[in-house]
Amino acid sequence: MGASSLACHLPSSNTMAPTVMASSATSVAPFQGLKSTAGLPVSRRSSSAGLGSVSNGGRIRCMQVWPIEGIKKFETLSYLPPLSTEALLKQVDYLIRSKWVPCLEFSKVGFVFREHNSSPGYYDGRYWTM
C-alpha cells in the first residue's frame, strides 16, 4: 500500500450541513448541583388525623422468627469452632457492633450443601458467604 491510499478525505469547513452548525451554537448549562426543596409545597397533617402512633419500624431492631424444623434456609455461626458461652456472646456482640444482624439456626442435625458454586467459602442458603 502506498501512502496515498491511507490518506483521509475530510470535507472542507464550508460544506458542513447548516443543522450541524446550528446545533453546535447552542450550549447546555453545566450541572450546578441539587436544588433546594424549600420552595416546593409541603403537605401538613393535622393533629386530628389520628396518625401520631403510626411508625415505619425505624426504631425496631431486626429480628425474624423462623420455624426450627424442616426448613433449611439461613445459617451464619455454625462454621465457628465449638465456643464457650462467653466466647459466643463476644461473637454476637462483635456482629452487633459492626451493625450486622446475627442469625442463629436451631436444628437437631446441621445441614450444609453446595449446588451452584464449587469455590471454598460459598454455600447456598446463607444471608452472606463466610
N, C-alpha and C. Protein backbone atom coordinates (compact mmCIF):
# COMPACT_ATOMS: atom_id res chain seq x y z
N MET A 1 0.84 -1.18 0.00
CA MET A 1 0.00 0.00 0.00
C MET A 1 0.88 1.23 0.00
N GLY A 2 0.48 2.19 -0.74
CA GLY A 2 1.22 3.44 -0.79
C GLY A 2 0.67 4.42 0.23
N ALA A 3 1.38 5.48 0.46
CA ALA A 3 0.95 6.49 1.43
C ALA A 3 -0.32 7.19 0.98
N SER A 4 -0.56 7.26 -0.31
CA SER A 4 -1.76 7.94 -0.80
C SER A 4 -3.02 7.15 -0.51
N SER A 5 -2.95 5.81 -0.37
CA SER A 5 -4.15 5.02 -0.09
C SER A 5 -4.58 5.16 1.37
N LEU A 6 -3.70 5.63 2.26
CA LEU A 6 -4.05 5.81 3.66
C LEU A 6 -4.59 7.19 3.96
N ALA A 7 -4.56 8.09 3.02
CA ALA A 7 -4.99 9.46 3.27
C ALA A 7 -6.49 9.52 3.44
N CYS A 8 -6.96 10.37 4.35
CA CYS A 8 -8.39 10.57 4.58
C CYS A 8 -8.82 11.82 3.84
N HIS A 9 -10.02 11.79 3.35
CA HIS A 9 -10.58 12.95 2.67
C HIS A 9 -11.61 13.57 3.60
N LEU A 10 -11.32 14.73 4.13
CA LEU A 10 -12.24 15.44 5.01
C LEU A 10 -12.93 16.53 4.22
N PRO A 11 -14.21 16.75 4.49
CA PRO A 11 -14.89 17.84 3.79
C PRO A 11 -14.35 19.18 4.28
N SER A 12 -14.39 20.14 3.42
CA SER A 12 -13.94 21.47 3.83
C SER A 12 -14.96 22.07 4.78
N SER A 13 -14.58 23.08 5.55
CA SER A 13 -15.46 23.65 6.57
C SER A 13 -16.69 24.31 5.97
N ASN A 14 -16.63 24.73 4.71
CA ASN A 14 -17.80 25.39 4.14
C ASN A 14 -18.82 24.39 3.60
N THR A 15 -18.56 23.08 3.67
CA THR A 15 -19.53 22.09 3.19
C THR A 15 -20.33 21.46 4.32
N MET A 16 -20.19 21.95 5.55
CA MET A 16 -20.94 21.37 6.67
C MET A 16 -22.42 21.69 6.54
N ALA A 17 -23.24 20.78 7.01
CA ALA A 17 -24.68 20.99 6.95
C ALA A 17 -25.08 22.10 7.90
N PRO A 18 -26.07 22.92 7.52
CA PRO A 18 -26.48 24.03 8.39
C PRO A 18 -27.04 23.56 9.73
N THR A 19 -27.68 22.39 9.78
CA THR A 19 -28.23 21.92 11.05
C THR A 19 -27.12 21.59 12.04
N VAL A 20 -26.01 21.09 11.57
CA VAL A 20 -24.91 20.78 12.46
C VAL A 20 -24.34 22.06 13.04
N MET A 21 -24.21 23.07 12.21
CA MET A 21 -23.67 24.33 12.69
C MET A 21 -24.62 24.98 13.69
N ALA A 22 -25.94 24.85 13.46
CA ALA A 22 -26.91 25.45 14.37
C ALA A 22 -26.88 24.73 15.72
N SER A 23 -26.74 23.40 15.70
CA SER A 23 -26.75 22.68 16.96
C SER A 23 -25.47 22.91 17.74
N SER A 24 -24.38 23.19 17.06
CA SER A 24 -23.14 23.44 17.79
C SER A 24 -23.15 24.83 18.42
N ALA A 25 -24.04 25.70 17.96
CA ALA A 25 -24.10 27.05 18.51
C ALA A 25 -24.84 27.07 19.85
N THR A 26 -25.75 26.11 20.09
CA THR A 26 -26.47 26.07 21.36
C THR A 26 -25.63 25.32 22.37
N SER A 27 -25.71 25.72 23.61
CA SER A 27 -24.96 25.02 24.65
C SER A 27 -25.87 24.69 25.81
N VAL A 28 -25.52 23.66 26.52
CA VAL A 28 -26.27 23.23 27.69
C VAL A 28 -25.52 23.71 28.92
N ALA A 29 -26.26 24.27 29.85
CA ALA A 29 -25.62 24.77 31.07
C ALA A 29 -25.05 23.60 31.87
N PRO A 30 -23.91 23.76 32.48
CA PRO A 30 -23.33 22.67 33.27
C PRO A 30 -24.16 22.40 34.52
N PHE A 31 -24.05 21.18 35.04
CA PHE A 31 -24.79 20.77 36.23
C PHE A 31 -24.31 21.59 37.42
N GLN A 32 -25.23 22.19 38.14
CA GLN A 32 -24.89 23.06 39.25
C GLN A 32 -25.19 22.43 40.61
N GLY A 33 -25.52 21.16 40.65
CA GLY A 33 -25.84 20.51 41.92
C GLY A 33 -27.34 20.43 42.13
N LEU A 34 -27.73 19.80 43.21
CA LEU A 34 -29.14 19.63 43.53
C LEU A 34 -29.73 20.94 44.02
N LYS A 35 -30.95 21.17 43.66
CA LYS A 35 -31.64 22.39 44.04
C LYS A 35 -32.29 22.21 45.41
N SER A 36 -32.50 23.28 46.11
CA SER A 36 -33.17 23.25 47.40
C SER A 36 -34.65 22.96 47.19
N THR A 37 -35.24 22.20 48.10
CA THR A 37 -36.67 21.90 48.03
C THR A 37 -37.48 22.85 48.89
N ALA A 38 -36.86 23.91 49.38
CA ALA A 38 -37.57 24.84 50.28
C ALA A 38 -38.74 25.51 49.59
N GLY A 39 -38.69 25.73 48.29
CA GLY A 39 -39.76 26.42 47.59
C GLY A 39 -40.91 25.51 47.18
N LEU A 40 -40.79 24.20 47.37
CA LEU A 40 -41.84 23.27 46.97
C LEU A 40 -42.94 23.22 48.02
N PRO A 41 -44.18 22.95 47.59
CA PRO A 41 -45.27 22.86 48.56
C PRO A 41 -45.10 21.63 49.45
N VAL A 42 -45.48 21.75 50.71
CA VAL A 42 -45.35 20.67 51.67
C VAL A 42 -46.72 20.35 52.22
N SER A 43 -47.08 19.07 52.25
CA SER A 43 -48.36 18.70 52.84
C SER A 43 -48.17 18.54 54.34
N ARG A 44 -49.09 19.09 55.09
CA ARG A 44 -49.02 19.04 56.55
C ARG A 44 -50.21 18.23 57.06
N ARG A 45 -49.93 17.34 58.00
CA ARG A 45 -51.00 16.55 58.59
C ARG A 45 -51.57 17.31 59.77
N SER A 46 -52.86 17.24 59.90
CA SER A 46 -53.47 17.86 61.07
C SER A 46 -53.31 16.92 62.26
N SER A 47 -53.30 17.46 63.45
CA SER A 47 -53.13 16.63 64.65
C SER A 47 -54.35 15.75 64.87
N SER A 48 -55.46 16.06 64.24
CA SER A 48 -56.67 15.26 64.41
C SER A 48 -56.71 14.08 63.45
N ALA A 49 -55.66 13.88 62.67
CA ALA A 49 -55.67 12.79 61.70
C ALA A 49 -55.55 11.44 62.37
N GLY A 50 -55.09 11.39 63.63
CA GLY A 50 -55.01 10.12 64.34
C GLY A 50 -53.84 9.26 63.91
N LEU A 51 -52.85 9.84 63.28
CA LEU A 51 -51.71 9.06 62.80
C LEU A 51 -50.47 9.26 63.66
N GLY A 52 -50.63 9.82 64.84
CA GLY A 52 -49.48 10.09 65.69
C GLY A 52 -48.77 8.84 66.15
N SER A 53 -49.45 7.70 66.20
CA SER A 53 -48.82 6.48 66.68
C SER A 53 -48.33 5.58 65.55
N VAL A 54 -48.45 5.99 64.32
CA VAL A 54 -48.02 5.18 63.19
C VAL A 54 -46.51 5.27 63.06
N SER A 55 -45.87 4.14 62.82
CA SER A 55 -44.41 4.09 62.70
C SER A 55 -44.03 3.21 61.53
N ASN A 56 -42.91 3.52 60.91
CA ASN A 56 -42.42 2.67 59.83
C ASN A 56 -41.48 1.60 60.36
N GLY A 57 -41.33 1.49 61.65
CA GLY A 57 -40.48 0.46 62.23
C GLY A 57 -39.02 0.85 62.29
N GLY A 58 -38.72 2.11 62.13
CA GLY A 58 -37.33 2.55 62.12
C GLY A 58 -36.60 2.31 63.43
N ARG A 59 -37.32 2.24 64.51
CA ARG A 59 -36.68 2.01 65.81
C ARG A 59 -36.68 0.54 66.20
N ILE A 60 -37.27 -0.28 65.41
CA ILE A 60 -37.36 -1.70 65.71
C ILE A 60 -36.05 -2.37 65.30
N ARG A 61 -35.52 -3.22 66.14
CA ARG A 61 -34.34 -4.00 65.79
C ARG A 61 -34.74 -5.12 64.84
N CYS A 62 -33.83 -5.50 63.99
CA CYS A 62 -34.13 -6.54 63.01
C CYS A 62 -34.19 -7.89 63.71
N MET A 63 -35.34 -8.52 63.67
CA MET A 63 -35.49 -9.83 64.27
C MET A 63 -36.52 -10.61 63.45
N GLN A 64 -36.19 -11.85 63.18
CA GLN A 64 -37.11 -12.68 62.43
C GLN A 64 -37.21 -14.03 63.12
N VAL A 65 -38.41 -14.48 63.33
CA VAL A 65 -38.62 -15.80 63.91
C VAL A 65 -38.88 -16.75 62.76
N TRP A 66 -38.16 -17.86 62.77
CA TRP A 66 -38.25 -18.82 61.68
C TRP A 66 -38.52 -20.19 62.27
N PRO A 67 -39.37 -21.01 61.65
CA PRO A 67 -39.62 -22.36 62.18
C PRO A 67 -38.31 -23.14 62.29
N ILE A 68 -38.13 -23.88 63.39
CA ILE A 68 -36.86 -24.56 63.60
C ILE A 68 -36.81 -25.95 62.99
N GLU A 69 -37.90 -26.46 62.50
CA GLU A 69 -37.91 -27.81 61.94
C GLU A 69 -38.31 -27.81 60.48
N GLY A 70 -37.55 -28.51 59.67
CA GLY A 70 -37.93 -28.79 58.29
C GLY A 70 -37.60 -27.73 57.26
N ILE A 71 -37.17 -26.56 57.65
CA ILE A 71 -36.87 -25.52 56.67
C ILE A 71 -35.40 -25.13 56.84
N LYS A 72 -34.60 -25.52 55.87
CA LYS A 72 -33.17 -25.21 55.92
C LYS A 72 -32.94 -23.99 55.07
N LYS A 73 -32.79 -22.83 55.68
CA LYS A 73 -32.68 -21.62 54.89
C LYS A 73 -31.51 -20.74 55.31
N PHE A 74 -31.41 -20.35 56.55
CA PHE A 74 -30.39 -19.41 56.98
C PHE A 74 -29.43 -20.07 57.96
N GLU A 75 -28.19 -19.63 57.88
CA GLU A 75 -27.20 -20.12 58.83
C GLU A 75 -26.02 -19.16 58.81
N THR A 76 -25.49 -18.80 59.97
CA THR A 76 -24.34 -17.89 59.97
C THR A 76 -23.22 -18.32 60.90
N LEU A 77 -23.51 -18.82 62.05
CA LEU A 77 -22.46 -19.06 63.04
C LEU A 77 -22.02 -20.52 63.15
N SER A 78 -22.50 -21.42 62.33
CA SER A 78 -22.20 -22.83 62.53
C SER A 78 -20.78 -23.22 62.12
N TYR A 79 -20.07 -22.36 61.38
CA TYR A 79 -18.73 -22.71 60.96
C TYR A 79 -17.67 -22.32 61.99
N LEU A 80 -18.07 -21.72 63.08
CA LEU A 80 -17.13 -21.41 64.15
C LEU A 80 -16.82 -22.69 64.91
N PRO A 81 -15.62 -22.79 65.47
CA PRO A 81 -15.32 -23.96 66.30
C PRO A 81 -16.22 -23.96 67.53
N PRO A 82 -16.28 -25.07 68.25
CA PRO A 82 -17.09 -25.08 69.47
C PRO A 82 -16.66 -23.95 70.41
N LEU A 83 -17.63 -23.16 70.85
CA LEU A 83 -17.34 -21.98 71.67
C LEU A 83 -17.99 -22.10 73.03
N SER A 84 -17.35 -21.48 74.01
CA SER A 84 -17.99 -21.36 75.32
C SER A 84 -19.10 -20.32 75.22
N THR A 85 -19.92 -20.23 76.24
CA THR A 85 -20.99 -19.24 76.23
C THR A 85 -20.42 -17.83 76.15
N GLU A 86 -19.34 -17.57 76.88
CA GLU A 86 -18.72 -16.24 76.86
C GLU A 86 -18.17 -15.92 75.47
N ALA A 87 -17.51 -16.90 74.83
CA ALA A 87 -16.94 -16.66 73.50
C ALA A 87 -18.04 -16.43 72.47
N LEU A 88 -19.14 -17.17 72.59
CA LEU A 88 -20.26 -16.97 71.67
C LEU A 88 -20.88 -15.59 71.86
N LEU A 89 -21.00 -15.14 73.11
CA LEU A 89 -21.52 -13.80 73.36
C LEU A 89 -20.61 -12.73 72.76
N LYS A 90 -19.30 -12.94 72.81
CA LYS A 90 -18.37 -11.99 72.20
C LYS A 90 -18.54 -11.95 70.68
N GLN A 91 -18.78 -13.11 70.06
CA GLN A 91 -19.00 -13.15 68.61
C GLN A 91 -20.27 -12.37 68.23
N VAL A 92 -21.35 -12.59 68.96
CA VAL A 92 -22.61 -11.90 68.68
C VAL A 92 -22.46 -10.41 68.95
N ASP A 93 -21.76 -10.04 70.02
CA ASP A 93 -21.52 -8.62 70.31
C ASP A 93 -20.73 -7.96 69.19
N TYR A 94 -19.74 -8.67 68.64
CA TYR A 94 -18.96 -8.14 67.52
C TYR A 94 -19.86 -7.89 66.30
N LEU A 95 -20.75 -8.83 66.01
CA LEU A 95 -21.67 -8.67 64.87
C LEU A 95 -22.56 -7.44 65.07
N ILE A 96 -23.07 -7.27 66.27
CA ILE A 96 -23.96 -6.14 66.54
C ILE A 96 -23.21 -4.82 66.47
N ARG A 97 -21.99 -4.77 67.04
CA ARG A 97 -21.19 -3.53 66.96
C ARG A 97 -20.85 -3.18 65.52
N SER A 98 -20.71 -4.20 64.66
CA SER A 98 -20.40 -3.97 63.25
C SER A 98 -21.65 -3.64 62.45
N LYS A 99 -22.80 -3.53 63.14
CA LYS A 99 -24.10 -3.25 62.53
C LYS A 99 -24.53 -4.36 61.56
N TRP A 100 -24.12 -5.59 61.89
CA TRP A 100 -24.56 -6.77 61.16
C TRP A 100 -25.67 -7.43 61.97
N VAL A 101 -26.44 -8.29 61.33
CA VAL A 101 -27.54 -8.97 62.01
C VAL A 101 -27.12 -10.40 62.31
N PRO A 102 -26.94 -10.75 63.58
CA PRO A 102 -26.60 -12.15 63.88
C PRO A 102 -27.80 -13.03 63.59
N CYS A 103 -27.53 -14.15 63.00
CA CYS A 103 -28.60 -15.08 62.64
C CYS A 103 -28.24 -16.44 63.18
N LEU A 104 -29.08 -16.99 64.00
CA LEU A 104 -28.85 -18.30 64.60
C LEU A 104 -29.81 -19.30 63.99
N GLU A 105 -29.30 -20.47 63.72
CA GLU A 105 -30.14 -21.55 63.20
C GLU A 105 -30.21 -22.62 64.27
N PHE A 106 -31.41 -23.03 64.58
CA PHE A 106 -31.60 -24.10 65.55
C PHE A 106 -32.04 -25.33 64.78
N SER A 107 -31.24 -26.37 64.86
CA SER A 107 -31.55 -27.58 64.13
C SER A 107 -30.97 -28.77 64.89
N LYS A 108 -31.67 -29.88 64.85
CA LYS A 108 -31.16 -31.09 65.51
C LYS A 108 -29.94 -31.63 64.78
N VAL A 109 -29.95 -31.54 63.46
CA VAL A 109 -28.85 -32.02 62.63
C VAL A 109 -28.45 -30.89 61.69
N GLY A 110 -27.17 -30.52 61.69
CA GLY A 110 -26.71 -29.46 60.80
C GLY A 110 -26.80 -29.88 59.34
N PHE A 111 -27.01 -28.93 58.45
CA PHE A 111 -27.15 -29.23 57.03
C PHE A 111 -26.51 -28.12 56.22
N VAL A 112 -25.52 -28.47 55.42
CA VAL A 112 -24.85 -27.52 54.54
C VAL A 112 -24.74 -28.18 53.18
N PHE A 113 -24.98 -27.43 52.11
CA PHE A 113 -24.85 -28.01 50.78
C PHE A 113 -24.28 -26.99 49.83
N ARG A 114 -23.70 -27.51 48.75
CA ARG A 114 -23.22 -26.68 47.65
C ARG A 114 -23.96 -27.13 46.40
N GLU A 115 -24.51 -26.17 45.70
CA GLU A 115 -25.24 -26.52 44.48
C GLU A 115 -24.75 -25.73 43.28
N HIS A 116 -24.53 -24.44 43.45
CA HIS A 116 -24.27 -23.57 42.31
C HIS A 116 -22.82 -23.14 42.16
N ASN A 117 -21.95 -23.45 43.10
CA ASN A 117 -20.58 -22.99 43.02
C ASN A 117 -19.70 -23.94 43.81
N SER A 118 -18.51 -24.19 43.31
CA SER A 118 -17.62 -25.11 44.00
C SER A 118 -16.43 -24.40 44.64
N SER A 119 -16.47 -23.07 44.72
CA SER A 119 -15.36 -22.35 45.34
C SER A 119 -15.46 -22.45 46.85
N PRO A 120 -14.31 -22.46 47.55
CA PRO A 120 -14.36 -22.54 49.01
C PRO A 120 -15.01 -21.30 49.61
N GLY A 121 -15.76 -21.49 50.67
CA GLY A 121 -16.40 -20.36 51.33
C GLY A 121 -17.78 -20.06 50.81
N TYR A 122 -18.22 -20.70 49.73
CA TYR A 122 -19.56 -20.45 49.20
C TYR A 122 -20.46 -21.61 49.56
N TYR A 123 -21.57 -21.32 50.19
CA TYR A 123 -22.58 -22.32 50.48
C TYR A 123 -23.93 -21.69 50.22
N ASP A 124 -24.84 -22.47 49.70
CA ASP A 124 -26.19 -21.96 49.46
C ASP A 124 -26.93 -21.83 50.79
N GLY A 125 -27.93 -20.96 50.80
CA GLY A 125 -28.80 -20.84 51.95
C GLY A 125 -28.25 -19.95 53.05
N ARG A 126 -27.50 -18.93 52.70
CA ARG A 126 -26.92 -18.04 53.70
C ARG A 126 -27.38 -16.61 53.47
N TYR A 127 -27.36 -15.79 54.51
CA TYR A 127 -27.50 -14.35 54.32
C TYR A 127 -26.27 -13.82 53.61
N TRP A 128 -25.11 -14.28 53.97
CA TRP A 128 -23.86 -13.89 53.32
C TRP A 128 -22.93 -15.09 53.34
N THR A 129 -21.93 -15.11 52.47
CA THR A 129 -20.98 -16.21 52.45
C THR A 129 -19.89 -15.96 53.47
N MET A 130 -19.34 -17.01 54.00
CA MET A 130 -18.30 -16.88 55.03
C MET A 130 -16.98 -17.38 54.48
